[in-house]
Amino acid sequence: MHPVMHLPSDADTQELRKALWHYRIGHRITEEAEGPLLWIADPRQHAELKSLVARWERGEALIVDKPANRRYASGSILTTLRHVPVTATAMAISLVIFALTGWLGNGVVMALTIVPIEISGNQFVYRSLTDGLINGQVWRLLSPAFLHFGWMHLIFNLMWLWYFGRQVEVLQGSRTMLLLLLVAGIGANLAQYFTGTVLFGGMSGVVYALLGHVWVMSRRAPQRGFFVPQMLVVFMLGWMVFTMTDMASWVGFGNVANEAHLGGLLVGLITGVYYSSRRLKTD
């Protein structure tokens, strides 16, 4: 986040904020001793923001309705996706694999589990992680993150991947998002594997890593523009604890990759502290 200007202390900024979000200008208003301070996420939108503020100060209409245009809407979606290529690609891969699993069946799952699986005498035979790595199947360290075993599982994970991943990628760049995806995905999978489980999947470990990362960044480096509602943090952590209890099975959630959740969260907390500490040293 970059500071732009102080606003009048007694001004109602609701219309201004509504217009800024309408035009997709990431911003934040903080209360300072000199008055409300307006911040901008992308300095390239500085001129557009200043123009809107000037019109707001003159009392002009800020949002001009235009006829619906399908081409414009499609372009807006594509533009948004181009700004978050890692997040969008991770979601697309998850959707494609989910569709292929429904179409081709167990063969897709067996190709992506953390260890090689073979069928012998109508029974599954699980190899070791070492066997897979020796045979060059290094993708198995990450691929379980893209496996989902139901619509609710898929939707829940992709919804939070979009919410948190987009913040990381917009505010810290695609390289940081890719690094978090790889480290959190592999770390969460290994945490689950070393508890003795080999048949698991889902992006939940990455989601909890992003949650931890965004939460720490929002607390330790608020000027960067990260935001996560406190109640959402409480809900996500409460959900993780809930799935660790027997109650989750009683209400029909079945087996949950709890160690992957916890492993991902720890990765996110560590990366959040690391990146926020680097930022604080340079300020």
Protein backbone atom coordinates (compact mmCIF):
# COMPACT_ATOMS: atom_id res chain seq x y z
CA MET A 1 0.00 0.00 0.00
CA HIS A 2 1.15 3.54 -0.81
CA PRO A 3 -0.12 6.69 0.93
CA VAL A 4 -1.84 9.21 -1.36
CA MET A 5 -3.54 12.02 0.60
CA HIS A 6 -5.38 13.03 3.74
CA LEU A 7 -9.14 13.42 3.48
CA PRO A 8 -11.33 15.89 5.41
CA SER A 9 -11.91 14.61 8.94
CA ASP A 10 -15.68 15.19 8.91
CA ALA A 11 -16.32 13.87 5.38
CA ASP A 12 -18.52 10.86 4.61
CA THR A 13 -16.30 8.68 2.42
CA GLN A 14 -18.89 5.98 1.69
CA GLU A 15 -19.60 7.12 -1.89
CA LEU A 16 -15.90 7.58 -2.61
CA ARG A 17 -15.04 4.08 -1.38
CA LYS A 18 -17.94 2.61 -3.35
CA ALA A 19 -16.69 4.28 -6.52
CA LEU A 20 -13.10 3.18 -5.96
CA TRP A 21 -14.16 -0.45 -5.61
CA HIS A 22 -16.50 -0.06 -8.61
CA TYR A 23 -13.53 0.93 -10.75
CA ARG A 24 -11.36 -1.81 -9.18
CA ILE A 25 -8.96 0.56 -7.47
CA GLY A 26 -7.53 -1.27 -4.48
CA HIS A 27 -7.34 1.10 -1.53
CA ARG A 28 -7.57 1.55 2.20
CA ILE A 29 -8.45 4.45 4.51
CA THR A 30 -6.76 4.60 7.91
CA GLU A 31 -7.35 6.99 10.78
CA GLU A 32 -4.31 9.14 11.43
CA ALA A 33 -3.66 12.11 13.73
CA GLU A 34 -3.82 14.48 10.73
CA GLY A 35 -7.10 12.96 9.53
CA PRO A 36 -8.19 9.96 7.40
CA LEU A 37 -5.32 8.82 5.16
CA LEU A 38 -6.12 7.32 1.75
CA TRP A 39 -3.79 4.53 0.54
CA ILE A 40 -3.60 2.88 -2.89
CA ALA A 41 -2.54 -0.69 -3.66
CA ASP A 42 -1.33 -0.13 -7.25
CA PRO A 43 0.59 3.14 -7.85
CA ARG A 44 -0.24 2.86 -11.56
CA GLN A 45 -3.83 3.82 -10.69
CA HIS A 46 -2.73 6.98 -8.85
CA ALA A 47 -4.00 9.40 -11.53
CA GLU A 48 -7.38 7.65 -11.76
CA LEU A 49 -7.76 7.75 -7.98
CA LYS A 50 -6.87 11.45 -7.80
CA SER A 51 -9.43 12.21 -10.52
CA LEU A 52 -12.17 10.38 -8.60
CA VAL A 53 -11.29 12.19 -5.37
CA ALA A 54 -11.43 15.56 -7.16
CA ARG A 55 -14.87 14.74 -8.55
CA TRP A 56 -16.00 13.54 -5.11
CA GLU A 57 -14.85 16.81 -3.54
CA ARG A 58 -16.85 18.75 -6.16
CA GLY A 59 -19.95 16.68 -5.41
CA GLU A 60 -20.13 15.14 -8.89
CA ALA A 61 -21.55 11.71 -9.69
CA LEU A 62 -18.74 9.15 -9.45
CA ILE A 63 -20.35 6.08 -11.02
CA VAL A 64 -21.78 6.48 -14.50
CA ASP A 65 -23.95 3.54 -15.52
CA LYS A 66 -23.24 2.08 -18.96
CA PRO A 67 -25.29 -0.37 -21.03
CA ALA A 68 -24.44 -3.96 -20.35
CA ASN A 69 -21.74 -5.15 -22.71
CA ARG A 70 -20.89 -8.83 -22.82
CA ARG A 71 -17.53 -8.22 -24.47
CA TYR A 72 -16.58 -5.72 -21.75
CA ALA A 73 -17.57 -8.13 -18.99
CA SER A 74 -15.57 -10.94 -20.57
CA GLY A 75 -12.58 -8.65 -20.97
CA SER A 76 -12.79 -7.64 -17.31
CA ILE A 77 -12.72 -11.27 -16.20
CA LEU A 78 -9.75 -12.04 -18.45
CA THR A 79 -7.93 -8.95 -17.20
CA THR A 80 -8.45 -10.03 -13.59
CA LEU A 81 -7.19 -13.53 -14.33
CA ARG A 82 -4.10 -12.18 -16.09
CA HIS A 83 -3.16 -10.31 -12.91
CA VAL A 84 -3.22 -13.54 -10.87
CA PRO A 85 -1.86 -16.24 -13.22
CA VAL A 86 -0.61 -18.60 -10.50
CA THR A 87 -3.87 -18.55 -8.55
CA ALA A 88 -5.93 -18.92 -11.73
CA THR A 89 -3.76 -21.79 -13.01
CA ALA A 90 -3.96 -23.67 -9.70
CA MET A 91 -7.75 -23.38 -9.77
CA ALA A 92 -7.91 -24.47 -13.41
CA ILE A 93 -5.72 -27.53 -12.79
CA SER A 94 -7.92 -28.53 -9.84
CA LEU A 95 -11.06 -28.23 -11.95
CA VAL A 96 -9.57 -30.21 -14.85
CA ILE A 97 -8.33 -32.99 -12.57
CA PHE A 98 -11.72 -33.15 -10.83
CA ALA A 99 -13.43 -33.52 -14.21
CA LEU A 100 -10.95 -36.17 -15.38
CA THR A 101 -11.40 -38.10 -12.13
CA GLY A 102 -15.15 -38.27 -12.73
CA TRP A 103 -14.62 -39.30 -16.35
CA LEU A 104 -11.69 -41.72 -16.15
CA GLY A 105 -12.06 -42.92 -12.57
CA ASN A 106 -9.40 -44.35 -10.27
CA GLY A 107 -6.62 -44.19 -12.86
CA VAL A 108 -6.32 -40.43 -12.41
CA VAL A 109 -6.30 -40.71 -8.62
CA MET A 110 -3.64 -43.44 -8.70
CA ALA A 111 -1.42 -41.28 -10.93
CA LEU A 112 -1.55 -38.34 -8.51
CA THR A 113 -1.44 -39.83 -5.01
CA ILE A 114 1.69 -39.13 -2.97
CA VAL A 115 2.90 -42.74 -3.40
CA PRO A 116 2.57 -45.10 -6.39
CA ILE A 117 -0.46 -47.39 -6.16
CA GLU A 118 -0.79 -50.69 -7.99
CA ILE A 119 -3.60 -53.22 -8.23
CA SER A 120 -2.75 -56.81 -7.39
CA GLY A 121 -5.40 -59.49 -6.98
CA ASN A 122 -8.21 -56.90 -6.91
CA GLN A 123 -6.47 -55.09 -4.06
CA PHE A 124 -4.58 -51.83 -3.87
CA VAL A 125 -0.86 -52.15 -3.15
CA TYR A 126 0.76 -48.98 -1.82
CA ARG A 127 4.44 -48.37 -2.57
CA SER A 128 6.64 -46.00 -0.60
CA LEU A 129 7.37 -42.36 -1.33
CA THR A 130 11.00 -43.35 -1.93
CA ASP A 131 9.92 -45.78 -4.66
CA GLY A 132 8.13 -43.02 -6.49
CA LEU A 133 10.99 -40.54 -6.21
CA ILE A 134 13.58 -43.09 -7.35
CA ASN A 135 11.44 -43.69 -10.45
CA GLY A 136 11.37 -39.96 -11.18
CA GLN A 137 7.77 -39.40 -10.06
CA VAL A 138 8.62 -36.16 -8.25
CA TRP A 139 5.24 -34.62 -9.12
CA ARG A 140 3.69 -36.82 -6.42
CA LEU A 141 5.12 -34.49 -3.76
CA LEU A 142 2.67 -31.78 -4.90
CA SER A 143 -0.04 -33.46 -7.00
CA PRO A 144 -2.31 -34.59 -4.09
CA ALA A 145 -3.10 -30.90 -3.51
CA PHE A 146 -5.01 -30.90 -6.82
CA LEU A 147 -7.10 -33.97 -5.99
CA HIS A 148 -10.63 -33.38 -4.67
CA PHE A 149 -13.18 -36.02 -3.79
CA GLY A 150 -16.46 -34.14 -4.04
CA TRP A 151 -18.06 -30.91 -5.20
CA MET A 152 -18.22 -29.36 -1.72
CA HIS A 153 -14.57 -30.23 -1.11
CA LEU A 154 -13.61 -28.61 -4.42
CA ILE A 155 -15.75 -25.48 -4.06
CA PHE A 156 -14.72 -24.82 -0.46
CA ASN A 157 -11.01 -25.01 -1.30
CA LEU A 158 -11.14 -23.02 -4.53
CA MET A 159 -13.23 -20.27 -2.95
CA TRP A 160 -10.61 -19.65 -0.25
CA LEU A 161 -7.73 -20.16 -2.70
CA TRP A 162 -9.16 -17.31 -4.78
CA TYR A 163 -9.78 -15.08 -1.74
CA PHE A 164 -6.33 -15.42 -0.17
CA GLY A 165 -4.25 -16.27 -3.24
CA ARG A 166 -5.41 -13.20 -5.12
CA GLN A 167 -4.27 -10.95 -2.26
CA VAL A 168 -0.83 -12.54 -2.15
CA GLU A 169 -0.36 -12.42 -5.90
CA VAL A 170 -1.57 -8.84 -6.37
CA LEU A 171 0.31 -7.41 -3.38
CA GLN A 172 3.48 -9.54 -3.43
CA GLY A 173 3.69 -10.84 -6.97
CA SER A 174 3.27 -14.12 -8.81
CA ARG A 175 6.72 -15.38 -7.81
CA THR A 176 5.85 -15.21 -4.11
CA MET A 177 2.49 -16.87 -4.74
CA LEU A 178 4.14 -19.69 -6.70
CA LEU A 179 6.70 -20.20 -3.95
CA LEU A 180 3.97 -20.35 -1.31
CA LEU A 181 1.96 -22.81 -3.40
CA LEU A 182 4.93 -25.13 -3.85
CA VAL A 183 6.27 -24.96 -0.29
CA ALA A 184 2.85 -25.16 1.37
CA GLY A 185 1.55 -27.85 -0.98
CA ILE A 186 4.59 -30.10 -0.58
CA GLY A 187 4.92 -29.35 3.14
CA ALA A 188 1.26 -30.13 3.85
CA ASN A 189 1.40 -33.35 1.80
CA LEU A 190 4.51 -34.55 3.60
CA ALA A 191 2.99 -33.72 6.99
CA GLN A 192 -0.02 -35.87 6.11
CA TYR A 193 2.12 -38.66 4.64
CA PHE A 194 4.36 -39.01 7.68
CA THR A 195 1.32 -39.69 9.87
CA GLY A 196 0.84 -42.91 7.89
CA THR A 197 -1.82 -41.75 5.42
CA VAL A 198 -1.28 -42.21 1.69
CA LEU A 199 -4.74 -41.75 0.16
CA PHE A 200 -5.61 -38.07 0.63
CA GLY A 201 -5.99 -34.94 -1.43
CA GLY A 202 -7.14 -31.35 -1.52
CA MET A 203 -5.90 -27.77 -1.58
CA SER A 204 -6.73 -27.26 2.11
CA GLY A 205 -3.10 -27.28 3.22
CA VAL A 206 -2.30 -24.49 0.75
CA VAL A 207 -5.44 -22.59 1.81
CA TYR A 208 -4.41 -22.69 5.47
CA ALA A 209 -0.90 -21.60 4.54
CA LEU A 210 -2.33 -18.60 2.68
CA LEU A 211 -4.61 -17.85 5.62
CA GLY A 212 -1.66 -17.82 8.03
CA HIS A 213 0.47 -15.77 5.64
CA VAL A 214 -2.19 -13.11 4.95
CA TRP A 215 -3.17 -12.87 8.62
CA VAL A 216 0.43 -12.32 9.78
CA MET A 217 1.08 -9.80 7.01
CA SER A 218 -2.10 -7.88 7.87
CA ARG A 219 -1.03 -7.69 11.54
CA ARG A 220 2.69 -7.02 11.16
CA ALA A 221 2.76 -5.00 7.92
CA PRO A 222 -0.72 -3.42 7.56
CA GLN A 223 0.61 -0.82 5.11
CA ARG A 224 0.98 -3.57 2.50
CA GLY A 225 -2.81 -3.76 2.11
CA PHE A 226 -3.48 -7.33 3.28
CA PHE A 227 -6.82 -7.84 4.98
CA VAL A 228 -8.66 -10.75 6.52
CA PRO A 229 -11.70 -10.33 8.82
CA GLN A 230 -10.94 -11.46 12.35
CA MET A 231 -14.10 -13.56 12.45
CA LEU A 232 -12.97 -15.40 9.33
CA VAL A 233 -9.69 -16.31 11.05
CA VAL A 234 -11.66 -17.56 14.07
CA PHE A 235 -13.97 -19.57 11.80
CA MET A 236 -11.13 -21.17 9.81
CA LEU A 237 -9.15 -22.08 12.92
CA GLY A 238 -12.30 -23.33 14.63
CA TRP A 239 -13.09 -25.47 11.60
CA MET A 240 -9.60 -26.97 11.68
CA VAL A 241 -9.98 -27.86 15.36
CA PHE A 242 -13.49 -29.23 14.76
CA THR A 243 -12.29 -31.60 12.03
CA MET A 244 -9.66 -32.96 14.42
CA THR A 245 -12.38 -34.24 16.75
CA ASP A 246 -14.66 -37.25 16.48
CA MET A 247 -17.62 -34.91 16.00
CA ALA A 248 -16.60 -34.37 12.37
CA SER A 249 -17.13 -38.06 11.63
CA TRP A 250 -20.39 -38.12 13.57
CA VAL A 251 -21.92 -35.43 11.35
CA GLY A 252 -20.73 -37.07 8.13
CA PHE A 253 -17.53 -35.29 7.10
CA GLY A 254 -15.51 -38.51 7.12
CA ASN A 255 -11.72 -38.50 7.23
CA VAL A 256 -10.14 -35.07 6.97
CA ALA A 257 -6.46 -34.40 6.24
CA ASN A 258 -5.89 -32.64 9.56
CA GLU A 259 -2.11 -32.88 9.50
CA ALA A 260 -2.09 -31.24 6.07
CA HIS A 261 -4.16 -28.35 7.46
CA LEU A 262 -1.84 -27.90 10.41
CA GLY A 263 1.31 -28.28 8.30
CA GLY A 264 0.07 -25.70 5.81
CA LEU A 265 -0.87 -23.25 8.56
CA LEU A 266 2.61 -23.50 10.10
CA VAL A 267 4.19 -22.85 6.69
CA GLY A 268 2.02 -19.76 6.23
CA LEU A 269 2.79 -18.37 9.68
CA ILE A 270 6.51 -18.78 9.06
CA THR A 271 6.43 -17.16 5.62
CA GLY A 272 4.25 -14.34 6.96
CA VAL A 273 6.76 -13.57 9.70
CA TYR A 274 9.64 -13.79 7.22
CA TYR A 275 8.16 -11.46 4.60
CA SER A 276 6.76 -8.99 7.13
CA SER A 277 10.14 -8.84 8.90
CA ARG A 278 11.86 -8.06 5.58
CA ARG A 279 9.34 -5.30 4.95
CA LEU A 280 9.74 -3.81 8.43
CA LYS A 281 13.53 -3.69 8.04
CA THR A 282 13.25 -1.75 4.77
CA ASP A 283 10.70 0.79 6.10
